[in-house]
């Protein structure tokens, strides 16, 4: 079971809430979702607490924050807990027992800490950072846990973003999912803490992220299609320490797509700050750095698809920082969708060209000439993300074409991190360390550096990418080996 703790602005009371959850038996996974800026990651690190923290400086509603938490975990059950709520021993165990007996929703009544709190809390707002008209400051009357399968059968959390209604989606679940209400109150909530935040000096020593807290910003409105295009198409980007590629990534993507939603998976090179300041970037979600680093490809895909839907995207293109789309990609994609009609494919596999030795040529012999990736797809609320921990598809599993494969489209992506021999070598070592048993790729990774039978072709006229990468063999400075956890296994990988 996972517990999603909602924080706004980095309040010190969140630390107490997380500490109480971690003291439960059995110990649950904890995800803190913090919106509206703040430094809760540093506060938790200063308190010696190591949990996943997902942050957004945008002023998101509680329902949107709850969806982020649900997307970040693979747990079959999860609870949503507001800050300033303390759970008593046995709370997690009680919820798990009820779920094991078949409940899709389990509710816990909340006990006030003093008789006057209901009246006093009604005069304040606990989600003050989210927006001036956000949810009432009254502590929750009930907190809930959900089975993932049950909740997703009725859709994600939804509600009025101005009131925060729908954090527990009572209207959606009451009539369609089996609910068990616990008789005993095991949660106590208080009005928001006004005490100072925890000191941050120990955080720097602990290795937590050190940039100053960013001010909250109002979340942008729904993305709009660029002039001459009918559909709203956004780019999905997950990255970690990719600053050297991001300037040209933005120059390549921005003219053709309608915006970018990005996920920073613990960068320390300023990548997130570079993206956050660009007008085409709709939102940057940040996962605070942890040691060891946790790799969760499925969770990352859930977070970004959820963000794209939140910003009104209709189609998405997943593109890494070291990849570029061809000239005219968007126009060809629009014609492809238009020609297919309303009953056409909901996802496409696009051609992946691996640039080799030069930025203006790609490899075509053997498997290199056949590479395709399912990256271009329609946003759908019932997106099936699959279970592959490594090399999983971005496109929904339930959007495959007849017979199983994704429909192949005449669209091209170019991959830059295969140009330099040193980058190819590092890539081979990285994946070999993460997947030594070839669990997720049967052919292994030695082929990435094998030049046997090498054949290359120049970029086709009219289908080049812009801006062209510099002709250089220089790579990023090689960093130390760092521990990375993938599917329960720890691997030492180059930073």
Protein backbone atom coordinates (compact mmCIF):
# COMPACT_ATOMS: atom_id res chain seq x y z
CA UNK A 1 0.00 0.00 0.00
CA UNK A 2 1.13 3.54 -0.74
CA UNK A 3 0.18 6.74 1.05
CA UNK A 4 0.10 9.98 -0.93
CA UNK A 5 0.67 12.98 1.33
CA UNK A 6 -0.50 16.29 -0.14
CA UNK A 7 1.62 19.35 0.60
CA UNK A 8 1.29 22.93 -0.57
CA UNK A 9 4.19 25.34 -0.37
CA UNK A 10 6.44 23.20 1.80
CA UNK A 11 4.76 23.34 5.24
CA UNK A 12 6.64 21.99 8.23
CA UNK A 13 3.56 20.05 9.40
CA UNK A 14 3.98 17.76 6.39
CA UNK A 15 7.11 16.34 8.01
CA UNK A 16 5.09 15.22 11.06
CA UNK A 17 2.43 13.66 8.83
CA UNK A 18 5.03 11.66 6.88
CA UNK A 19 6.81 10.56 10.05
CA UNK A 20 3.56 9.16 11.47
CA UNK A 21 2.84 7.25 8.25
CA UNK A 22 6.32 5.71 8.19
CA UNK A 23 5.80 4.44 11.74
CA UNK A 24 2.95 2.20 10.57
CA UNK A 25 3.14 -1.59 10.48
CA UNK A 26 3.34 -2.79 7.78
CA UNK A 27 5.34 0.17 6.53
CA UNK A 28 3.76 1.68 3.40
CA UNK A 29 5.39 3.36 0.45
CA UNK A 30 5.13 7.15 0.88
CA UNK A 31 4.88 9.73 -1.91
CA UNK A 32 4.78 13.41 -1.02
CA UNK A 33 3.20 15.60 -3.70
CA UNK A 34 4.06 19.25 -3.16
CA UNK A 35 2.56 22.01 -5.31
CA UNK A 36 2.92 25.75 -5.39
CA UNK A 37 6.68 25.88 -4.77
CA UNK A 38 8.44 25.39 -1.47
CA UNK A 39 11.24 23.19 -0.23
CA UNK A 40 9.60 20.17 1.36
CA UNK A 41 12.24 17.88 -0.16
CA UNK A 42 14.95 19.69 1.79
CA UNK A 43 12.89 19.73 4.97
CA UNK A 44 12.33 15.98 4.79
CA UNK A 45 16.02 15.37 4.11
CA UNK A 46 16.95 17.56 7.08
CA UNK A 47 14.67 15.41 9.24
CA UNK A 48 16.40 12.25 8.00
CA UNK A 49 13.35 11.07 6.05
CA UNK A 50 13.92 9.35 2.70
CA UNK A 51 10.70 9.20 0.64
CA UNK A 52 9.71 10.01 -2.91
CA UNK A 53 8.88 13.70 -3.38
CA UNK A 54 7.19 14.97 -6.56
CA UNK A 55 7.12 18.75 -6.84
CA UNK A 56 5.46 21.29 -9.09
CA UNK A 57 5.68 25.05 -8.73
CA UNK A 58 2.31 25.32 -10.44
CA UNK A 59 -0.75 26.09 -8.33
CA UNK A 60 -2.49 22.79 -8.89
CA UNK A 61 -5.79 21.77 -7.35
CA UNK A 62 -5.88 19.02 -4.70
CA UNK A 63 -7.54 16.67 -7.19
CA UNK A 64 -4.67 17.19 -9.66
CA UNK A 65 -2.12 16.67 -6.88
CA UNK A 66 -3.89 13.43 -5.94
CA UNK A 67 -3.66 12.22 -9.53
CA UNK A 68 0.08 12.92 -9.50
CA UNK A 69 0.47 10.80 -6.39
CA UNK A 70 -1.58 7.98 -7.85
CA UNK A 71 0.52 8.05 -11.03
CA UNK A 72 3.79 7.96 -9.09
CA UNK A 73 3.16 4.62 -7.37
CA UNK A 74 2.77 1.07 -8.61
CA UNK A 75 1.06 -0.05 -5.39
CA UNK A 76 -2.27 -1.90 -5.83
CA UNK A 77 -3.82 0.25 -3.07
CA UNK A 78 -3.10 3.84 -2.12
CA UNK A 79 -4.46 6.41 0.32
CA UNK A 80 -4.62 10.19 -0.01
CA UNK A 81 -3.75 12.06 3.17
CA UNK A 82 -3.81 15.86 3.57
CA UNK A 83 -1.02 17.53 5.51
CA UNK A 84 -1.80 18.25 9.16
CA UNK A 85 -3.39 14.80 9.54
CA UNK A 86 -1.71 12.30 11.86
CA UNK A 87 -2.51 8.60 11.55
CA UNK A 88 -2.48 6.34 14.60
CA UNK A 89 -0.80 2.92 14.83
CA UNK A 90 -2.80 0.28 12.98
CA UNK A 91 -4.31 2.63 10.39
CA UNK A 92 -2.54 1.09 7.38
CA UNK A 93 -3.22 -2.46 8.62
CA UNK A 94 -6.93 -1.70 9.01
CA UNK A 95 -7.18 -0.35 5.47
CA UNK A 96 -5.29 -3.31 4.03
CA UNK A 97 -7.61 -5.76 5.81
CA UNK A 98 -10.67 -4.05 4.36
CA UNK A 99 -9.17 -4.08 0.86
CA UNK A 100 -8.30 -7.77 1.23
CA UNK A 101 -11.97 -8.42 2.00
CA UNK A 102 -12.97 -6.89 -1.32
CA UNK A 103 -13.46 -3.19 -0.65
CA UNK A 104 -12.49 -0.90 -3.52
CA UNK A 105 -12.70 2.16 -1.24
CA UNK A 106 -11.94 2.27 2.48
CA UNK A 107 -12.82 5.37 4.50
CA UNK A 108 -11.51 6.46 7.89
CA UNK A 109 -13.41 9.00 9.98
CA UNK A 110 -11.33 11.92 11.23
CA UNK A 111 -11.16 12.98 14.83
CA UNK A 112 -10.80 16.67 15.63
CA UNK A 113 -8.09 17.57 18.10
CA UNK A 114 -10.28 20.06 19.93
CA UNK A 115 -14.04 20.87 19.90
CA UNK A 116 -13.45 24.36 18.57
CA UNK A 117 -11.46 23.24 15.54
CA UNK A 118 -14.39 22.82 13.17
CA UNK A 119 -15.43 26.45 13.58
CA UNK A 120 -11.87 27.79 13.69
CA UNK A 121 -10.73 25.83 10.68
CA UNK A 122 -13.68 27.00 8.61
CA UNK A 123 -12.30 30.54 8.83
CA UNK A 124 -8.98 29.62 7.24
CA UNK A 125 -7.75 27.80 4.13
CA UNK A 126 -5.34 24.91 4.28
CA UNK A 127 -4.54 25.07 0.56
CA UNK A 128 -3.60 28.74 0.63
CA UNK A 129 -0.64 28.39 -1.71
CA UNK A 130 -2.65 26.56 -4.35
CA UNK A 131 -4.72 29.65 -5.16
CA UNK A 132 -6.68 32.30 -3.22
CA UNK A 133 -9.99 30.56 -3.82
CA UNK A 134 -8.74 27.06 -3.13
CA UNK A 135 -10.16 24.44 -0.81
CA UNK A 136 -11.64 25.36 2.55
CA UNK A 137 -9.20 25.21 5.45
CA UNK A 138 -11.47 22.81 7.29
CA UNK A 139 -9.59 19.57 7.89
CA UNK A 140 -11.00 16.56 6.08
CA UNK A 141 -13.96 14.76 7.69
CA UNK A 142 -12.82 11.49 6.15
CA UNK A 143 -9.68 10.15 4.52
CA UNK A 144 -9.78 7.39 1.93
CA UNK A 145 -7.74 4.60 0.41
CA UNK A 146 -8.49 3.07 -2.97
CA UNK A 147 -7.72 -0.02 -4.94
CA UNK A 148 -6.00 1.10 -8.11
CA UNK A 149 -8.06 -1.20 -10.28
CA UNK A 150 -11.33 -0.06 -8.74
CA UNK A 151 -10.64 3.66 -8.88
CA UNK A 152 -9.34 3.60 -12.43
CA UNK A 153 -12.52 1.86 -13.54
CA UNK A 154 -14.35 5.14 -12.87
CA UNK A 155 -11.52 7.44 -13.98
CA UNK A 156 -9.00 9.67 -12.22
CA UNK A 157 -9.71 12.19 -9.47
CA UNK A 158 -11.78 15.10 -10.73
CA UNK A 159 -13.47 18.13 -9.30
CA UNK A 160 -13.80 21.87 -9.36
CA UNK A 161 -10.22 23.22 -9.44
CA UNK A 162 -11.32 26.38 -7.61
CA UNK A 163 -12.80 24.58 -4.63
CA UNK A 164 -10.68 21.47 -4.56
CA UNK A 165 -13.85 19.37 -4.56
CA UNK A 166 -13.26 15.84 -5.72
CA UNK A 167 -10.07 15.04 -3.83
CA UNK A 168 -11.83 11.88 -2.68
CA UNK A 169 -14.20 11.74 -5.69
CA UNK A 170 -17.09 10.82 -3.42
CA UNK A 171 -19.63 11.36 -6.16
CA UNK A 172 -17.81 9.03 -8.54
CA UNK A 173 -17.14 6.16 -6.18
CA UNK A 174 -20.19 6.11 -3.91
CA UNK A 175 -22.54 4.56 -6.41
CA UNK A 176 -20.22 2.34 -8.40
CA UNK A 177 -17.53 0.93 -6.10
CA UNK A 178 -17.78 -1.11 -2.94
CA UNK A 179 -16.86 1.01 0.08
CA UNK A 180 -16.01 -0.08 3.61
CA UNK A 181 -16.16 2.53 6.35
CA UNK A 182 -14.00 1.92 9.41
CA UNK A 183 -15.88 2.42 12.66
CA UNK A 184 -12.93 3.54 14.73
CA UNK A 185 -11.37 6.95 14.20
CA UNK A 186 -7.64 6.49 13.63
CA UNK A 187 -6.83 9.87 12.06
CA UNK A 188 -6.62 13.22 13.81
CA UNK A 189 -6.39 16.46 11.87
CA UNK A 190 -5.60 19.96 13.00
CA UNK A 191 -5.73 23.42 11.46
CA UNK A 192 -2.62 24.34 9.47
CA UNK A 193 0.59 24.65 11.42
CA UNK A 194 1.96 28.19 11.68
CA UNK A 195 5.27 27.19 13.18
CA UNK A 196 8.48 27.99 11.26
CA UNK A 197 9.82 25.60 8.71
CA UNK A 198 12.62 23.28 9.65
CA UNK A 199 16.17 24.59 9.35
CA UNK A 200 17.76 23.73 6.03
CA UNK A 201 21.45 23.57 6.86
CA UNK A 202 21.46 19.78 7.40
CA UNK A 203 19.81 19.24 4.02
CA UNK A 204 22.83 20.41 2.09
CA UNK A 205 25.03 18.01 4.01
CA UNK A 206 22.63 15.15 3.30
CA UNK A 207 22.91 15.60 -0.45
CA UNK A 208 19.37 16.88 -0.97
CA UNK A 209 18.68 19.32 -3.78
CA UNK A 210 19.99 22.72 -2.88
CA UNK A 211 18.51 25.32 -5.29
CA UNK A 212 16.43 27.99 -3.59
CA UNK A 213 12.71 27.40 -3.39
CA UNK A 214 10.84 28.74 -6.40
CA UNK A 215 7.79 30.97 -6.10
CA UNK A 216 4.45 29.46 -6.92
CA UNK A 217 2.97 30.20 -10.31
CA UNK A 218 -0.57 29.85 -11.58
CA UNK A 219 -0.95 26.78 -13.77
CA UNK A 220 -1.34 27.73 -17.45
CA UNK A 221 -4.66 27.23 -19.19
CA UNK A 222 -5.38 24.45 -21.68
CA UNK A 223 -2.78 24.11 -24.44
CA UNK A 224 -3.85 25.52 -27.80
CA UNK A 225 -3.09 24.07 -31.22
CA UNK A 226 -0.60 26.11 -33.20
CA UNK A 227 -1.82 28.11 -36.18
CA UNK A 228 -2.92 25.92 -39.09
CA UNK A 229 -3.30 22.77 -37.00
CA UNK A 230 -6.50 21.21 -35.68
CA UNK A 231 -5.22 19.02 -32.87
CA UNK A 232 -3.41 19.84 -29.66
CA UNK A 233 -0.15 17.88 -29.65
CA UNK A 234 2.37 18.12 -26.82
CA UNK A 235 5.81 16.67 -26.27
CA UNK A 236 6.46 14.43 -23.27
CA UNK A 237 9.99 14.68 -21.91
CA UNK A 238 11.61 12.80 -19.04
CA UNK A 239 15.21 13.71 -18.29
CA UNK A 240 18.05 13.52 -15.79
CA UNK A 241 21.12 15.72 -16.20
CA UNK A 242 20.60 16.40 -19.92
CA UNK A 243 21.40 20.12 -20.02
CA UNK A 244 23.83 19.78 -22.92
CA UNK A 245 20.99 18.66 -25.21
CA UNK A 246 18.10 20.82 -24.02
CA UNK A 247 18.79 24.11 -25.83
CA UNK A 248 18.62 22.44 -29.24
CA UNK A 249 15.77 20.19 -28.09
CA UNK A 250 13.69 23.29 -27.40
CA UNK A 251 14.67 24.85 -30.73
CA UNK A 252 13.67 21.66 -32.54
CA UNK A 253 10.37 20.90 -30.80
CA UNK A 254 8.89 24.33 -30.12
CA UNK A 255 8.09 25.35 -33.74
CA UNK A 256 6.19 22.14 -34.46
CA UNK A 257 4.40 21.09 -31.28
CA UNK A 258 1.98 22.93 -28.98
CA UNK A 259 3.89 22.68 -25.73
CA UNK A 260 6.06 20.51 -23.53
CA UNK A 261 5.36 18.72 -20.26
CA UNK A 262 8.54 17.54 -18.59
CA UNK A 263 9.63 15.33 -15.71
CA UNK A 264 12.97 15.99 -14.02
CA UNK A 265 14.12 12.71 -12.50
CA UNK A 266 16.55 14.14 -9.95
CA UNK A 267 18.80 16.34 -12.10
CA UNK A 268 21.69 18.26 -10.54
CA UNK A 269 23.02 20.11 -13.61
CA UNK A 270 20.42 22.90 -13.94
CA UNK A 271 18.35 21.08 -16.57
CA UNK A 272 15.06 21.75 -14.78
CA UNK A 273 15.78 25.45 -14.33
CA UNK A 274 16.59 25.81 -18.04
CA UNK A 275 13.28 24.21 -19.03
CA UNK A 276 11.14 25.95 -16.42
CA UNK A 277 12.03 29.36 -17.85
CA UNK A 278 10.99 28.56 -21.42
CA UNK A 279 7.57 29.81 -22.60
CA UNK A 280 6.78 26.58 -24.48
CA UNK A 281 7.09 24.46 -21.33
CA UNK A 282 3.65 23.95 -19.82
CA UNK A 283 4.81 22.23 -16.64
CA UNK A 284 7.93 20.73 -15.08
CA UNK A 285 7.37 18.02 -12.49
CA UNK A 286 10.40 17.32 -10.32
CA UNK A 287 11.29 14.16 -8.49
CA UNK A 288 13.68 15.13 -5.71
CA UNK A 289 17.08 13.40 -5.85
CA UNK A 290 17.53 10.29 -3.72
CA UNK A 291 20.41 7.92 -3.02
CA UNK A 292 20.20 5.38 -4.46
CA UNK A 293 18.40 6.72 -7.49
CA UNK A 294 15.14 4.90 -8.30
CA UNK A 295 14.31 4.17 -11.94
CA UNK A 296 10.58 3.81 -12.58
CA UNK A 297 9.83 4.06 -16.28
CA UNK A 298 6.17 3.08 -15.95
CA UNK A 299 5.63 5.63 -13.19
CA UNK A 300 7.32 8.35 -15.23
CA UNK A 301 5.07 7.63 -18.19
CA UNK A 302 1.98 7.78 -15.98
CA UNK A 303 3.06 11.14 -14.53
CA UNK A 304 3.65 12.74 -17.91
CA UNK A 305 0.52 11.40 -19.60
CA UNK A 306 -1.50 12.64 -16.62
CA UNK A 307 0.14 16.07 -16.98
CA UNK A 308 -0.57 16.16 -20.71
CA UNK A 309 -4.23 15.38 -20.08
CA UNK A 310 -4.36 18.04 -17.37
CA UNK A 311 -3.21 20.60 -19.93
CA UNK A 312 -5.79 19.58 -22.51
CA UNK A 313 -3.56 17.68 -24.94
CA UNK A 314 -5.26 15.45 -27.50
CA UNK A 315 -2.16 13.72 -28.87
CA UNK A 316 1.30 13.25 -27.39
CA UNK A 317 4.77 12.60 -28.75
CA UNK A 318 7.32 11.15 -26.34
CA UNK A 319 10.74 12.53 -27.15
CA UNK A 320 14.00 12.33 -25.19
CA UNK A 321 16.30 15.31 -24.74
CA UNK A 322 18.83 13.78 -27.15
CA UNK A 323 16.25 13.17 -29.90
CA UNK A 324 14.98 15.44 -32.68
CA UNK A 325 11.95 15.37 -34.94
CA UNK A 326 12.34 15.71 -38.68
CA UNK A 327 11.44 18.84 -40.60
CA UNK A 328 7.71 18.78 -41.38
CA UNK A 329 6.93 16.16 -38.73
CA UNK A 330 3.83 17.98 -37.52
CA UNK A 331 2.31 18.54 -40.95
CA UNK A 332 2.82 14.89 -41.89
CA UNK A 333 1.33 13.79 -38.57
CA UNK A 334 -1.75 15.97 -39.09
CA UNK A 335 -2.30 14.54 -42.57
CA UNK A 336 -1.85 11.02 -41.23
CA UNK A 337 -4.55 11.50 -38.57
CA UNK A 338 -6.87 13.32 -40.97
CA UNK A 339 -6.61 10.63 -43.64
CA UNK A 340 -7.25 7.87 -41.09
CA UNK A 341 -10.50 9.47 -39.96
CA UNK A 342 -12.20 9.31 -36.54
CA UNK A 343 -11.97 5.51 -36.42
CA UNK A 344 -8.29 5.48 -37.31
CA UNK A 345 -5.40 4.23 -35.16
CA UNK A 346 -5.00 5.72 -31.69
CA UNK A 347 -1.23 5.18 -31.66
CA UNK A 348 1.63 5.00 -34.14
CA UNK A 349 5.14 3.61 -34.21
CA UNK A 350 7.55 6.09 -35.76
CA UNK A 351 10.92 5.43 -37.40
CA UNK A 352 13.95 5.88 -35.14
CA UNK A 353 17.16 6.81 -36.94
CA UNK A 354 20.38 6.31 -34.97
CA UNK A 355 22.90 8.94 -36.07
CA UNK A 356 26.39 7.44 -36.38
CA UNK A 357 29.80 9.17 -36.41
CA UNK A 358 28.35 12.30 -37.98
CA UNK A 359 25.24 14.39 -37.17
CA UNK A 360 24.07 14.21 -40.79
CA UNK A 361 24.09 10.44 -41.36
CA UNK A 362 22.41 7.43 -39.75
CA UNK A 363 23.03 3.71 -39.63
CA UNK A 364 20.86 1.43 -41.81
CA UNK A 365 22.39 -2.07 -41.83
CA UNK A 366 20.57 -4.91 -40.08
CA UNK A 367 18.40 -3.99 -37.12
CA UNK A 368 19.45 -0.35 -37.44
CA UNK A 369 17.39 0.11 -40.56
CA UNK A 370 14.27 -1.38 -38.98
CA UNK A 371 14.06 0.47 -35.67
CA UNK A 372 10.67 1.90 -34.73
CA UNK A 373 9.27 3.17 -31.43
CA UNK A 374 5.63 3.57 -30.37
CA UNK A 375 5.82 7.21 -29.29
CA UNK A 376 2.97 9.09 -31.02
CA UNK A 377 -0.46 8.46 -29.53
CA UNK A 378 -3.86 9.84 -28.69
CA UNK A 379 -4.48 10.71 -25.03
CA UNK A 380 -7.08 8.37 -23.56
CA UNK A 381 -8.36 8.11 -19.96
CA UNK A 382 -8.00 4.32 -19.89
CA UNK A 383 -4.34 4.32 -20.99
CA UNK A 384 -2.78 0.89 -20.34
CA UNK A 385 0.87 1.55 -19.42
CA UNK A 386 1.98 -2.07 -19.35
CA UNK A 387 4.49 -3.41 -16.84
CA UNK A 388 7.90 -3.28 -18.54
CA UNK A 389 10.42 -1.73 -16.14
CA UNK A 390 12.85 -0.99 -18.99
CA UNK A 391 12.28 -0.27 -22.70
CA UNK A 392 8.50 -0.09 -22.20
CA UNK A 393 6.22 1.48 -24.78
CA UNK A 394 5.01 5.04 -24.33
CA UNK A 395 1.91 4.39 -26.43
CA UNK A 396 -1.00 2.66 -24.66
CA UNK A 397 -0.94 -1.12 -24.82
CA UNK A 398 -4.65 -0.93 -25.56
CA UNK A 399 -4.01 1.25 -28.63
CA UNK A 400 -2.14 -1.42 -30.59
CA UNK A 401 -3.24 -2.14 -34.13
CA UNK A 402 -5.08 -5.24 -35.34
CA UNK A 403 -3.03 -8.33 -34.62
CA UNK A 404 -0.83 -6.76 -31.96
CA UNK A 405 1.82 -4.42 -33.45
CA UNK A 406 1.42 -0.67 -33.45
CA UNK A 407 0.58 0.85 -36.81
CA UNK A 408 3.76 2.11 -38.49
CA UNK A 409 3.76 5.76 -39.57
CA UNK A 410 5.97 7.54 -42.07
CA UNK A 411 7.37 9.84 -39.39
CA UNK A 412 10.98 10.08 -38.25
CA UNK A 413 12.85 10.78 -35.02
CA UNK A 414 16.65 11.16 -34.97
CA UNK A 415 18.72 10.01 -31.99
CA UNK A 416 21.85 12.06 -31.26
CA UNK A 417 23.46 10.09 -28.44
CA UNK A 418 24.78 7.50 -30.86
CA UNK A 419 26.90 9.92 -32.90
CA UNK A 420 30.03 9.75 -30.76
CA UNK A 421 31.79 6.46 -30.11
CA UNK A 422 32.32 7.44 -26.48
CA UNK A 423 28.57 7.98 -26.02
CA UNK A 424 27.80 4.64 -27.63
CA UNK A 425 30.22 2.93 -25.24
CA UNK A 426 28.68 4.62 -22.20
CA UNK A 427 25.19 3.71 -23.33
CA UNK A 428 26.18 0.06 -23.72
CA UNK A 429 27.76 -0.03 -20.25
CA UNK A 430 24.73 1.68 -18.70
CA UNK A 431 22.14 -0.75 -20.04
CA UNK A 432 24.34 -3.77 -19.43
CA UNK A 433 24.61 -2.75 -15.77
CA UNK A 434 20.86 -2.20 -15.48
CA UNK A 435 19.87 -5.35 -17.38
CA UNK A 436 22.73 -7.86 -17.00
CA UNK A 437 20.44 -10.86 -17.54
CA UNK A 438 18.90 -9.41 -20.72
CA UNK A 439 15.53 -9.58 -19.06
CA UNK A 440 14.14 -6.62 -20.98
CA UNK A 441 16.13 -6.98 -24.22
CA UNK A 442 17.00 -10.47 -25.33
CA UNK A 443 19.73 -9.45 -27.79
CA UNK A 444 21.58 -7.61 -25.05
CA UNK A 445 23.47 -4.36 -25.57
CA UNK A 446 26.78 -5.25 -27.18
CA UNK A 447 25.33 -4.43 -30.59
CA UNK A 448 25.34 -0.74 -29.62
CA UNK A 449 29.12 -0.59 -30.17
CA UNK A 450 29.48 -3.29 -32.84
CA UNK A 451 30.39 -1.71 -36.20
CA UNK A 452 30.39 -5.00 -38.14
CA UNK A 453 28.72 -4.52 -41.53
CA UNK A 454 28.33 -0.78 -40.94
CA UNK A 455 26.24 1.03 -43.56
CA UNK A 456 25.16 4.64 -43.26
CA UNK A 457 22.98 6.96 -45.29
CA UNK A 458 22.75 10.76 -45.36
CA UNK A 459 19.74 12.63 -44.05
CA UNK A 460 17.10 12.68 -46.80
CA UNK A 461 16.59 16.11 -48.38
CA UNK A 462 13.59 17.87 -46.90
CA UNK A 463 13.47 15.51 -43.91
CA UNK A 464 16.49 16.69 -41.98
CA UNK A 465 16.27 17.89 -38.38
CA UNK A 466 16.95 21.39 -37.13
CA UNK A 467 19.19 22.63 -35.66
CA UNK A 468 21.81 20.20 -36.88
CA UNK A 469 23.99 18.85 -34.07
CA UNK A 470 27.59 20.03 -33.93
CA UNK A 471 30.15 17.78 -35.66
CA UNK A 472 32.12 16.73 -32.61
CA UNK A 473 33.10 13.63 -30.72
CA UNK A 474 32.96 15.51 -27.42
CA UNK A 475 30.73 14.00 -24.76
CA UNK A 476 29.63 15.07 -21.34
CA UNK A 477 32.25 14.69 -18.67
CA UNK A 478 32.18 11.19 -17.25
CA UNK A 479 30.91 11.24 -13.70
CA UNK A 480 31.29 8.73 -10.88
CA UNK A 481 29.37 5.51 -10.63
CA UNK A 482 26.13 5.94 -8.71
CA UNK A 483 23.70 3.32 -7.39
CA UNK A 484 20.44 2.95 -9.33
CA UNK A 485 17.54 0.74 -8.27
CA UNK A 486 15.59 -0.93 -11.07
CA UNK A 487 12.97 -3.60 -10.36
CA UNK A 488 14.41 -4.23 -6.92
CA UNK A 489 18.01 -4.65 -8.09
CA UNK A 490 20.81 -2.16 -7.40
CA UNK A 491 23.21 -1.40 -10.26
CA UNK A 492 26.23 0.91 -10.35
CA UNK A 493 25.77 3.25 -13.30
CA UNK A 494 27.80 6.16 -14.64
CA UNK A 495 26.38 9.50 -13.55
